[in-house]
């Protein structure tokens, strides 16, 4: 291989694609083959941020603001029923 990347997170995947785009023969190593692992971890491409860090946190934070956003929208003339959440 011309280029070896350790870790299939956002940076590793992007780096691999750029190198391959320049014609390099690329290999990428990741610690697991995908999905949740038996010991409670995670595996596969995406890394910590995508699988258990930044992205899941942002989804929960954004979701927590919806009730407030709906109440604020009423002040701008939107006719919206009381928000409810059904998991």
C-alpha atoms as a PDB file:
ATOM      1  CA  UNK A   1       0.000   0.000   0.000  1.00  0.00           C
ATOM      2  CA  UNK A   2       1.037   3.583  -0.595  1.00  0.00           C
ATOM      3  CA  UNK A   3      -1.039   4.970   2.263  1.00  0.00           C
ATOM      4  CA  UNK A   4      -2.201   3.277   5.479  1.00  0.00           C
ATOM      5  CA  UNK A   5      -4.798   4.881   7.754  1.00  0.00           C
ATOM      6  CA  UNK A   6      -5.507   3.787  11.324  1.00  0.00           C
ATOM      7  CA  UNK A   7      -9.106   4.587  12.243  1.00  0.00           C
ATOM      8  CA  UNK A   8     -12.266   4.871  10.197  1.00  0.00           C
ATOM      9  CA  UNK A   9     -13.550   8.072  11.743  1.00  0.00           C
ATOM     10  CA  UNK A  10     -14.422  11.178   9.789  1.00  0.00           C
ATOM     11  CA  UNK A  11     -10.787  12.227   9.387  1.00  0.00           C
ATOM     12  CA  UNK A  12      -9.503   8.779   8.464  1.00  0.00           C
ATOM     13  CA  UNK A  13     -12.148   8.163   5.826  1.00  0.00           C
ATOM     14  CA  UNK A  14     -11.712  11.633   4.334  1.00  0.00           C
ATOM     15  CA  UNK A  15      -7.938  11.312   4.282  1.00  0.00           C
ATOM     16  CA  UNK A  16      -8.198   7.911   2.595  1.00  0.00           C
ATOM     17  CA  UNK A  17     -10.522   9.231  -0.101  1.00  0.00           C
ATOM     18  CA  UNK A  18      -8.287  12.176  -0.869  1.00  0.00           C
ATOM     19  CA  UNK A  19      -5.207   9.963  -1.116  1.00  0.00           C
ATOM     20  CA  UNK A  20      -7.043   7.483  -3.342  1.00  0.00           C
ATOM     21  CA  UNK A  21      -8.173  10.384  -5.500  1.00  0.00           C
ATOM     22  CA  UNK A  22      -4.523  11.130  -6.169  1.00  0.00           C
ATOM     23  CA  UNK A  23      -3.980   7.527  -7.214  1.00  0.00           C
ATOM     24  CA  UNK A  24      -2.570   6.079  -3.993  1.00  0.00           C
ATOM     25  CA  UNK A  25      -3.354   2.478  -3.110  1.00  0.00           C
ATOM     26  CA  UNK A  26      -4.998   2.925   0.314  1.00  0.00           C
ATOM     27  CA  UNK A  27      -5.613   0.598   3.266  1.00  0.00           C
ATOM     28  CA  UNK A  28      -7.727   1.564   6.276  1.00  0.00           C
ATOM     29  CA  UNK A  29      -7.803  -0.317   9.585  1.00  0.00           C
ATOM     30  CA  UNK A  30     -10.677  -0.067  12.040  1.00  0.00           C
ATOM     31  CA  UNK A  31     -10.971  -1.798  15.413  1.00  0.00           C
ATOM     32  CA  UNK A  32     -14.286  -3.571  14.760  1.00  0.00           C
ATOM     33  CA  UNK A  33     -16.308  -4.745  11.787  1.00  0.00           C
ATOM     34  CA  UNK A  34     -19.485  -2.754  12.414  1.00  0.00           C
ATOM     35  CA  UNK A  35     -22.499  -2.388  14.629  1.00  0.00           C
ATOM     36  CA  UNK A  36     -22.553  -2.624  18.395  1.00  0.00           C
ATOM     37  CA  UNK A  37     -20.019  -4.952  19.937  1.00  0.00           C
ATOM     38  CA  UNK A  38     -20.754  -7.589  22.590  1.00  0.00           C
ATOM     39  CA  UNK A  39     -18.882  -5.576  25.235  1.00  0.00           C
ATOM     40  CA  UNK A  40     -21.082  -2.506  24.761  1.00  0.00           C
ATOM     41  CA  UNK A  41     -18.740  -0.611  22.469  1.00  0.00           C
ATOM     42  CA  UNK A  42     -19.187   0.342  18.881  1.00  0.00           C
ATOM     43  CA  UNK A  43     -17.478  -0.642  15.703  1.00  0.00           C
ATOM     44  CA  UNK A  44     -17.327   0.045  12.039  1.00  0.00           C
ATOM     45  CA  UNK A  45     -16.675   3.192  10.112  1.00  0.00           C
ATOM     46  CA  UNK A  46     -17.613   6.568  11.450  1.00  0.00           C
ATOM     47  CA  UNK A  47     -15.528   6.762  14.602  1.00  0.00           C
ATOM     48  CA  UNK A  48     -16.480   8.096  18.008  1.00  0.00           C
ATOM     49  CA  UNK A  49     -18.049  11.364  16.861  1.00  0.00           C
ATOM     50  CA  UNK A  50     -20.504   9.833  14.405  1.00  0.00           C
ATOM     51  CA  UNK A  51     -21.410   6.737  16.419  1.00  0.00           C
ATOM     52  CA  UNK A  52     -21.443   7.740  20.083  1.00  0.00           C
ATOM     53  CA  UNK A  53     -20.263  11.333  20.405  1.00  0.00           C
ATOM     54  CA  UNK A  54     -21.025  14.552  18.579  1.00  0.00           C
ATOM     55  CA  UNK A  55     -23.808  13.490  16.218  1.00  0.00           C
ATOM     56  CA  UNK A  56     -25.997  11.598  18.735  1.00  0.00           C
ATOM     57  CA  UNK A  57     -25.499  14.433  21.239  1.00  0.00           C
ATOM     58  CA  UNK A  58     -26.590  17.030  18.675  1.00  0.00           C
ATOM     59  CA  UNK A  59     -29.705  15.039  17.803  1.00  0.00           C
ATOM     60  CA  UNK A  60     -30.729  14.925  21.460  1.00  0.00           C
ATOM     61  CA  UNK A  61     -29.954  18.622  22.024  1.00  0.00           C
ATOM     62  CA  UNK A  62     -31.855  19.716  18.912  1.00  0.00           C
ATOM     63  CA  UNK A  63     -34.788  17.516  19.887  1.00  0.00           C
ATOM     64  CA  UNK A  64     -34.890  19.042  23.352  1.00  0.00           C
ATOM     65  CA  UNK A  65     -35.470  22.504  21.838  1.00  0.00           C
ATOM     66  CA  UNK A  66     -38.577  21.633  19.790  1.00  0.00           C
ATOM     67  CA  UNK A  67     -41.077  22.354  22.550  1.00  0.00           C
ATOM     68  CA  UNK A  68     -39.592  25.803  23.115  1.00  0.00           C
ATOM     69  CA  UNK A  69     -39.439  26.479  19.367  1.00  0.00           C
ATOM     70  CA  UNK A  70     -43.117  25.579  18.953  1.00  0.00           C
ATOM     71  CA  UNK A  71     -44.102  27.915  21.790  1.00  0.00           C
ATOM     72  CA  UNK A  72     -41.994  30.690  20.227  1.00  0.00           C
ATOM     73  CA  UNK A  73     -43.648  30.104  16.832  1.00  0.00           C
ATOM     74  CA  UNK A  74     -47.036  30.930  18.358  1.00  0.00           C
ATOM     75  CA  UNK A  75     -45.714  34.435  19.053  1.00  0.00           C
ATOM     76  CA  UNK A  76     -45.075  34.826  15.331  1.00  0.00           C
ATOM     77  CA  UNK A  77     -48.615  33.937  14.303  1.00  0.00           C
ATOM     78  CA  UNK A  78     -48.355  30.171  13.817  1.00  0.00           C
ATOM     79  CA  UNK A  79     -51.469  28.291  14.921  1.00  0.00           C
ATOM     80  CA  UNK A  80     -49.993  25.213  16.576  1.00  0.00           C
ATOM     81  CA  UNK A  81     -51.518  22.768  19.067  1.00  0.00           C
ATOM     82  CA  UNK A  82     -49.732  21.981  22.308  1.00  0.00           C
ATOM     83  CA  UNK A  83     -46.689  19.841  21.551  1.00  0.00           C
ATOM     84  CA  UNK A  84     -46.646  16.270  22.837  1.00  0.00           C
ATOM     85  CA  UNK A  85     -43.991  13.587  22.637  1.00  0.00           C
ATOM     86  CA  UNK A  86     -44.776   9.949  21.927  1.00  0.00           C
ATOM     87  CA  UNK A  87     -41.653   7.766  22.173  1.00  0.00           C
END
